Amino acid sequence: MPTKYFDPSDSFFAGIAFMKCVTHIDAIVDPPIQALKEDKSVSFAKFGSFSTFVSKSKMGRNPNTGESMEIKPKRRIKFTSYKNLKRTISGDTD
């Protein structure tokens, strides 16, 4: 079942003004985003790590016209989950 949009004022910062919640969340999220912009890896203990890479150029097809076209390379984000997260999700207790 898909998760609904997370509104920080719902639970995480209950009792704190919404704009103050946004400020706190921005303070947590902005440094990792800046690090990824600078091609640095970002790790979260017991969760996983994020890194960036440049995808290769490849041939694709326009679904409307069927015309072949080149898909240009671009920067992408890669997430690697840690074993603890995988075990928790799969229900392994070993």
Protein backbone atom coordinates (compact mmCIF):
# COMPACT_ATOMS: atom_id res chain seq x y z
CA MET A 1 0.00 0.00 0.00
CA PRO A 2 1.52 3.38 -0.98
CA THR A 3 2.40 5.83 1.75
CA LYS A 4 0.60 9.16 1.74
CA TYR A 5 2.50 12.44 1.57
CA PHE A 6 4.26 13.00 4.88
CA ASP A 7 3.23 16.18 6.64
CA PRO A 8 5.72 16.86 9.44
CA SER A 9 3.13 18.70 11.49
CA ASP A 10 1.03 15.51 11.75
CA SER A 11 3.21 13.59 14.18
CA PHE A 12 6.96 14.19 14.18
CA PHE A 13 6.81 17.71 15.61
CA ALA A 14 3.37 17.62 17.23
CA GLY A 15 2.74 20.81 19.19
CA ILE A 16 5.27 22.92 17.25
CA ALA A 17 4.26 25.53 14.67
CA PHE A 18 4.33 24.27 11.06
CA MET A 19 6.98 26.74 9.84
CA LYS A 20 9.22 25.80 12.74
CA CYS A 21 8.80 22.14 11.73
CA VAL A 22 9.79 22.96 8.17
CA THR A 23 12.88 24.82 9.43
CA HIS A 24 13.95 21.83 11.54
CA ILE A 25 13.42 19.35 8.70
CA ASP A 26 15.28 21.60 6.24
CA ALA A 27 18.19 21.73 8.69
CA ILE A 28 18.31 17.91 8.65
CA VAL A 29 17.77 17.39 4.91
CA ASP A 30 19.78 20.25 3.35
CA PRO A 31 23.33 19.11 4.30
CA PRO A 32 22.96 15.68 2.63
CA ILE A 33 21.48 17.30 -0.47
CA GLN A 34 24.40 19.74 -0.67
CA ALA A 35 26.87 16.87 -0.27
CA LEU A 36 25.22 14.96 -3.15
CA LYS A 37 25.40 18.09 -5.31
CA GLU A 38 29.16 18.10 -4.64
CA ASP A 39 29.46 14.41 -5.71
CA LYS A 40 30.02 13.21 -2.14
CA SER A 41 28.50 10.08 -0.67
CA VAL A 42 26.02 10.39 2.22
CA SER A 43 25.54 7.59 4.77
CA PHE A 44 22.88 7.10 7.42
CA ALA A 45 23.70 4.56 10.15
CA LYS A 46 21.55 1.40 10.06
CA PHE A 47 19.74 2.71 6.96
CA GLY A 48 21.90 3.06 3.86
CA SER A 49 23.97 5.37 1.71
CA PHE A 50 23.27 7.70 -1.18
CA SER A 51 25.74 8.53 -3.95
CA THR A 52 25.63 10.06 -7.40
CA PHE A 53 26.74 8.70 -10.76
CA VAL A 54 26.51 9.70 -14.40
CA SER A 55 24.39 7.38 -16.52
CA LYS A 56 25.61 6.35 -19.95
CA SER A 57 24.12 7.69 -23.13
CA LYS A 58 21.76 5.18 -24.76
CA MET A 59 19.22 4.82 -27.54
CA GLY A 60 15.55 5.04 -26.66
CA ARG A 61 12.27 5.26 -28.51
CA ASN A 62 9.63 7.97 -28.45
CA PRO A 63 6.45 6.11 -27.40
CA ASN A 64 4.17 8.44 -29.39
CA THR A 65 6.00 8.41 -32.72
CA GLY A 66 8.15 5.29 -32.46
CA GLU A 67 11.14 7.39 -33.52
CA SER A 68 14.56 6.31 -32.19
CA MET A 69 16.41 8.96 -30.25
CA GLU A 70 19.48 9.31 -28.07
CA ILE A 71 18.95 9.61 -24.33
CA LYS A 72 21.69 11.89 -23.08
CA PRO A 73 23.76 11.02 -20.00
CA LYS A 74 22.75 12.70 -16.74
CA ARG A 75 23.54 12.65 -13.05
CA ARG A 76 21.47 10.22 -11.03
CA ILE A 77 21.20 9.21 -7.39
CA LYS A 78 21.96 5.66 -6.24
CA PHE A 79 20.74 4.27 -2.90
CA THR A 80 22.38 1.25 -1.29
CA SER A 81 20.53 -0.16 1.71
CA TYR A 82 22.47 -1.58 4.63
CA LYS A 83 21.99 -5.16 5.80
CA ASN A 84 20.20 -4.01 8.97
CA LEU A 85 17.49 -2.31 6.91
CA LYS A 86 17.12 -5.31 4.60
CA ARG A 87 16.79 -7.66 7.59
CA THR A 88 14.23 -5.43 9.28
CA ILE A 89 12.10 -5.20 6.16
CA SER A 90 12.29 -8.90 5.36
CA GLY A 91 11.54 -9.88 8.95
CA ASP A 92 14.78 -11.81 9.52
CA THR A 93 15.74 -11.96 13.19
CA ASP A 94 19.15 -13.61 12.78
